């Protein structure tokens, strides 16, 4: 007779509210690796080819009641929100009964900054009895300690640009605007806002050269850090190999992230891409 103590632990099902990017897929793959059931919630307008390999709940922003019932039928008491998602344009005519009750709160929340909007969303889920868990609590190695794992190292000028970028990102965070900035030779070439990091780096690639006073001087850095007071369970900034590619196209010397506060989606691949392109990755303790 087998002792109950020797039986494998039964892992509770997880719901992954999946946005764009690789993070939700990585969480789903980790669930599969450890034998944890998971269900992927896919909202209208988001195409996820990989999700077909998992149970899927199709979701509509205006119908939270339908979503909550589906999650409870799937026995998903724990939810993680992973990946990028743009603010929806809601149609009042599509609201279900739960949506109508929540509409004033939802519509007001969507007009605020990301922190307030996400706080509104998480509080609605929690009021329904769901536990919200951060992706970094489900995947090991997403948050990295201070250090420079790349062959390239930041110069004295790069370090000065990083310090200046940190000041700018801190100011942006206080206003709940963005989580990143590009600084070269002490000058801010761009700041992150709703369009995101890729669009910011595209802008720098197109315009940055003319704003660097010394063509032979420091090329500049991208710095990303979480906002003050934000909920780390749902909105940590992230980088990955594509970030390195975009930074190289923007003519930058490297990427700086707050140590322990920015998701690195595939550390080995990100470092390998940085080494290939001659960029540094610096996980920097905040000042």
Protein backbone atom coordinates (compact mmCIF):
# COMPACT_ATOMS: atom_id res chain seq x y z
CA UNK A 1 0.00 0.00 0.00
CA UNK A 2 1.41 3.39 -1.03
CA UNK A 3 1.73 6.02 1.65
CA UNK A 4 -0.12 9.26 0.97
CA UNK A 5 3.07 11.13 1.78
CA UNK A 6 4.66 9.61 -1.33
CA UNK A 7 1.95 10.73 -3.70
CA UNK A 8 2.81 13.66 -6.01
CA UNK A 9 1.33 16.99 -5.04
CA UNK A 10 -1.71 18.00 -7.06
CA UNK A 11 -1.17 21.45 -8.55
CA UNK A 12 -4.18 23.74 -8.82
CA UNK A 13 -5.14 24.95 -12.31
CA UNK A 14 -3.78 28.33 -13.41
CA UNK A 15 -5.45 30.80 -15.74
CA UNK A 16 -3.08 32.78 -17.96
CA UNK A 17 -4.59 36.00 -19.26
CA UNK A 18 -2.38 36.17 -22.32
CA UNK A 19 -1.30 39.26 -24.16
CA UNK A 20 1.27 39.67 -26.90
CA UNK A 21 4.90 38.63 -26.63
CA UNK A 22 6.65 35.49 -25.42
CA UNK A 23 5.95 35.75 -21.69
CA UNK A 24 2.52 34.01 -21.61
CA UNK A 25 3.89 31.15 -23.71
CA UNK A 26 6.84 30.75 -21.33
CA UNK A 27 4.46 30.55 -18.36
CA UNK A 28 2.30 27.98 -20.16
CA UNK A 29 5.35 25.89 -21.04
CA UNK A 30 6.49 25.97 -17.42
CA UNK A 31 3.05 24.77 -16.30
CA UNK A 32 3.30 21.88 -18.75
CA UNK A 33 6.83 21.06 -17.56
CA UNK A 34 5.79 20.76 -13.92
CA UNK A 35 2.46 19.11 -14.67
CA UNK A 36 0.25 22.01 -13.66
CA UNK A 37 -3.04 22.39 -15.56
CA UNK A 38 -3.42 25.78 -17.20
CA UNK A 39 -6.02 27.53 -19.29
CA UNK A 40 -5.23 30.38 -21.67
CA UNK A 41 -7.58 33.38 -21.71
CA UNK A 42 -7.44 35.03 -25.13
CA UNK A 43 -9.23 38.33 -25.66
CA UNK A 44 -10.58 39.50 -29.00
CA UNK A 45 -7.97 40.97 -31.31
CA UNK A 46 -5.05 38.98 -29.86
CA UNK A 47 -3.74 36.19 -32.09
CA UNK A 48 -1.78 33.49 -30.26
CA UNK A 49 -0.84 30.58 -32.51
CA UNK A 50 0.76 28.65 -29.64
CA UNK A 51 -2.41 28.73 -27.52
CA UNK A 52 -4.05 26.00 -29.62
CA UNK A 53 -2.00 23.46 -27.69
CA UNK A 54 -3.80 24.36 -24.44
CA UNK A 55 -7.37 24.75 -23.20
CA UNK A 56 -8.54 28.21 -24.26
CA UNK A 57 -11.22 30.55 -22.95
CA UNK A 58 -12.13 33.12 -25.64
CA UNK A 59 -12.88 36.38 -23.85
CA UNK A 60 -14.60 39.67 -24.64
CA UNK A 61 -13.68 42.77 -22.67
CA UNK A 62 -17.29 43.84 -22.24
CA UNK A 63 -18.36 40.46 -20.84
CA UNK A 64 -16.51 39.96 -17.54
CA UNK A 65 -19.38 37.92 -16.13
CA UNK A 66 -18.98 35.33 -18.87
CA UNK A 67 -15.22 35.20 -18.26
CA UNK A 68 -15.56 34.78 -14.49
CA UNK A 69 -18.03 31.92 -14.94
CA UNK A 70 -15.73 30.20 -17.44
CA UNK A 71 -12.76 30.52 -15.09
CA UNK A 72 -14.72 29.02 -12.23
CA UNK A 73 -15.92 26.14 -14.42
CA UNK A 74 -12.26 25.47 -15.25
CA UNK A 75 -11.47 25.50 -11.49
CA UNK A 76 -8.97 28.33 -12.01
CA UNK A 77 -8.81 30.17 -8.71
CA UNK A 78 -5.37 31.61 -9.52
CA UNK A 79 -4.73 34.02 -12.38
CA UNK A 80 -1.61 35.50 -13.91
CA UNK A 81 -1.58 38.36 -16.41
CA UNK A 82 1.27 38.09 -18.89
CA UNK A 83 2.13 39.87 -22.11
CA UNK A 84 1.32 43.21 -23.66
CA UNK A 85 -2.23 44.38 -24.20
CA UNK A 86 -3.55 47.66 -25.55
CA UNK A 87 -6.47 49.46 -23.95
CA UNK A 88 -9.69 48.25 -25.52
CA UNK A 89 -12.29 50.48 -27.13
CA UNK A 90 -15.42 49.32 -25.35
CA UNK A 91 -18.93 49.23 -26.77
CA UNK A 92 -21.60 49.80 -24.10
CA UNK A 93 -24.07 47.77 -26.18
CA UNK A 94 -21.97 44.63 -25.67
CA UNK A 95 -21.77 44.66 -21.87
CA UNK A 96 -23.17 41.65 -20.05
CA UNK A 97 -24.96 42.13 -16.71
CA UNK A 98 -21.73 42.02 -14.71
CA UNK A 99 -20.15 44.40 -17.21
CA UNK A 100 -23.03 46.86 -16.85
CA UNK A 101 -22.61 46.86 -13.08
CA UNK A 102 -18.86 47.45 -13.41
CA UNK A 103 -19.06 49.84 -16.37
CA UNK A 104 -18.71 53.14 -14.47
CA UNK A 105 -15.65 51.81 -12.68
CA UNK A 106 -14.12 50.27 -15.80
CA UNK A 107 -14.68 53.29 -18.03
CA UNK A 108 -13.24 55.64 -15.42
CA UNK A 109 -10.24 53.37 -14.86
CA UNK A 110 -9.38 53.19 -18.55
CA UNK A 111 -8.92 56.96 -18.61
CA UNK A 112 -6.15 56.84 -15.99
CA UNK A 113 -2.50 55.82 -16.06
CA UNK A 114 -1.41 52.21 -16.36
CA UNK A 115 -0.93 51.76 -12.62
CA UNK A 116 -4.45 52.92 -11.80
CA UNK A 117 -5.97 50.99 -14.70
CA UNK A 118 -4.29 47.74 -13.71
CA UNK A 119 -5.15 48.29 -10.06
CA UNK A 120 -8.78 48.57 -11.13
CA UNK A 121 -8.56 45.33 -13.14
CA UNK A 122 -6.84 43.34 -10.40
CA UNK A 123 -9.27 44.57 -7.74
CA UNK A 124 -12.20 43.38 -9.87
CA UNK A 125 -10.68 39.92 -10.20
CA UNK A 126 -9.85 39.77 -6.49
CA UNK A 127 -13.40 40.79 -5.58
CA UNK A 128 -14.55 37.72 -7.53
CA UNK A 129 -12.31 35.53 -5.38
CA UNK A 130 -9.36 35.08 -7.75
CA UNK A 131 -5.75 35.19 -6.59
CA UNK A 132 -3.43 37.27 -8.80
CA UNK A 133 0.12 35.92 -9.17
CA UNK A 134 3.02 37.57 -10.96
CA UNK A 135 4.73 35.76 -13.83
CA UNK A 136 8.07 36.16 -12.04
CA UNK A 137 6.67 34.10 -9.17
CA UNK A 138 5.84 31.29 -11.59
CA UNK A 139 9.06 31.31 -13.63
CA UNK A 140 12.51 31.22 -12.11
CA UNK A 141 15.23 33.46 -13.50
CA UNK A 142 13.09 36.25 -14.93
CA UNK A 143 14.49 38.76 -12.45
CA UNK A 144 18.28 38.94 -12.38
CA UNK A 145 20.65 40.34 -9.74
CA UNK A 146 23.05 43.22 -10.24
CA UNK A 147 25.83 42.54 -12.70
CA UNK A 148 26.99 42.76 -16.31
CA UNK A 149 26.70 39.31 -17.94
CA UNK A 150 27.84 40.46 -21.40
CA UNK A 151 31.32 40.72 -22.88
CA UNK A 152 30.84 44.43 -23.59
CA UNK A 153 31.05 46.67 -20.54
CA UNK A 154 29.63 50.18 -19.99
CA UNK A 155 32.10 53.05 -20.22
CA UNK A 156 32.32 55.94 -17.79
CA UNK A 157 30.15 57.98 -20.16
CA UNK A 158 27.63 55.13 -20.44
CA UNK A 159 27.37 55.01 -16.68
CA UNK A 160 26.73 58.75 -16.57
CA UNK A 161 24.02 58.36 -19.21
CA UNK A 162 22.45 55.54 -17.17
CA UNK A 163 22.34 57.75 -14.08
CA UNK A 164 20.65 60.49 -16.07
CA UNK A 165 18.19 58.02 -17.60
CA UNK A 166 17.31 56.74 -14.13
CA UNK A 167 16.41 60.27 -13.04
CA UNK A 168 14.13 60.63 -16.06
CA UNK A 169 12.45 57.24 -15.64
CA UNK A 170 11.89 57.97 -11.94
CA UNK A 171 10.14 61.22 -12.90
CA UNK A 172 8.05 59.43 -15.52
CA UNK A 173 7.08 56.81 -12.96
CA UNK A 174 5.80 59.41 -10.53
CA UNK A 175 3.39 60.56 -13.25
CA UNK A 176 2.50 56.96 -14.24
CA UNK A 177 3.68 57.58 -17.81
CA UNK A 178 6.37 55.08 -18.76
CA UNK A 179 9.12 52.72 -17.68
CA UNK A 180 11.98 53.57 -20.02
CA UNK A 181 14.14 56.31 -21.48
CA UNK A 182 17.03 56.66 -23.92
CA UNK A 183 19.87 59.00 -23.00
CA UNK A 184 23.02 59.75 -25.00
CA UNK A 185 25.76 62.21 -24.01
CA UNK A 186 23.56 63.42 -21.17
CA UNK A 187 20.65 64.27 -23.48
CA UNK A 188 17.28 62.52 -23.42
CA UNK A 189 16.59 61.24 -26.93
CA UNK A 190 13.24 59.64 -26.11
CA UNK A 191 10.97 58.51 -23.31
CA UNK A 192 8.58 55.58 -23.22
CA UNK A 193 4.83 56.15 -23.27
CA UNK A 194 1.78 54.15 -24.36
CA UNK A 195 3.22 52.97 -27.73
CA UNK A 196 5.93 51.06 -25.84
CA UNK A 197 9.65 50.39 -25.96
CA UNK A 198 9.89 49.19 -29.56
CA UNK A 199 8.28 52.35 -30.90
CA UNK A 200 10.55 54.46 -28.73
CA UNK A 201 13.63 52.71 -30.09
CA UNK A 202 12.35 53.01 -33.66
CA UNK A 203 12.05 56.76 -33.08
CA UNK A 204 15.62 56.94 -31.80
CA UNK A 205 16.84 54.91 -34.79
CA UNK A 206 15.19 57.42 -37.13
CA UNK A 207 16.07 60.65 -35.35
CA UNK A 208 18.72 60.08 -32.67
CA UNK A 209 21.86 60.72 -34.71
CA UNK A 210 21.07 64.39 -35.26
CA UNK A 211 20.68 65.01 -31.51
CA UNK A 212 23.99 63.55 -30.36
CA UNK A 213 26.28 66.62 -30.15
CA UNK A 214 29.50 64.63 -30.60
CA UNK A 215 29.30 62.05 -33.42
CA UNK A 216 32.28 60.28 -31.86
CA UNK A 217 30.96 60.48 -28.30
CA UNK A 218 28.88 58.09 -26.19
CA UNK A 219 26.25 56.32 -28.26
CA UNK A 220 23.68 56.20 -25.48
CA UNK A 221 21.74 53.71 -23.38
CA UNK A 222 18.23 52.43 -22.93
CA UNK A 223 17.23 52.21 -19.26
CA UNK A 224 14.14 50.37 -18.03
CA UNK A 225 12.87 50.25 -14.47
CA UNK A 226 9.54 49.71 -12.72
CA UNK A 227 7.46 52.66 -11.65
CA UNK A 228 7.27 53.57 -8.00
CA UNK A 229 4.35 51.91 -6.28
CA UNK A 230 3.30 49.76 -9.21
CA UNK A 231 1.89 46.29 -8.71
CA UNK A 232 4.73 43.95 -9.62
CA UNK A 233 2.26 41.11 -10.18
CA UNK A 234 0.87 42.60 -13.38
CA UNK A 235 3.07 45.23 -15.00
CA UNK A 236 6.81 44.76 -14.63
CA UNK A 237 8.84 46.07 -17.57
CA UNK A 238 10.51 43.42 -19.72
CA UNK A 239 13.34 43.00 -22.18
CA UNK A 240 14.55 40.16 -24.39
CA UNK A 241 16.65 39.45 -27.47
CA UNK A 242 14.45 41.72 -29.61
CA UNK A 243 15.19 44.60 -27.27
CA UNK A 244 18.89 44.13 -28.00
CA UNK A 245 18.22 44.09 -31.74
CA UNK A 246 16.18 47.27 -31.51
CA UNK A 247 18.80 48.97 -29.31
CA UNK A 248 21.49 48.12 -31.86
CA UNK A 249 19.40 49.57 -34.69
CA UNK A 250 19.00 52.72 -32.59
CA UNK A 251 22.79 52.99 -32.38
CA UNK A 252 22.98 52.49 -28.63
CA UNK A 253 25.87 51.08 -26.64
CA UNK A 254 23.76 48.98 -24.32
CA UNK A 255 20.69 48.31 -22.24
CA UNK A 256 20.42 49.04 -18.52
CA UNK A 257 17.77 47.49 -16.30
CA UNK A 258 16.99 47.80 -12.64
CA UNK A 259 18.37 44.71 -10.94
CA UNK A 260 15.59 42.48 -9.63
CA UNK A 261 12.91 44.72 -11.16
CA UNK A 262 12.78 44.00 -14.90
CA UNK A 263 11.77 40.72 -16.54
CA UNK A 264 14.46 39.26 -18.79
CA UNK A 265 12.66 36.96 -21.22
CA UNK A 266 15.30 34.37 -21.99
CA UNK A 267 18.49 35.49 -20.26
CA UNK A 268 20.86 33.24 -22.20
CA UNK A 269 19.40 34.26 -25.55
CA UNK A 270 19.36 37.92 -24.55
CA UNK A 271 23.01 37.87 -23.49
CA UNK A 272 23.96 35.94 -26.63
CA UNK A 273 22.21 38.49 -28.83
CA UNK A 274 23.89 41.37 -26.97
CA UNK A 275 27.31 39.72 -27.42
CA UNK A 276 26.60 39.15 -31.11
CA UNK A 277 25.75 42.82 -31.56
CA UNK A 278 28.50 44.19 -29.31
CA UNK A 279 26.10 45.66 -26.74
CA UNK A 280 26.26 45.46 -22.99
CA UNK A 281 23.47 44.40 -20.65
CA UNK A 282 23.80 45.96 -17.22
CA UNK A 283 21.52 44.99 -14.33
CA UNK A 284 22.04 48.04 -12.15
CA UNK A 285 21.07 48.63 -8.55
CA UNK A 286 18.85 51.72 -8.24
CA UNK A 287 20.49 54.82 -6.82
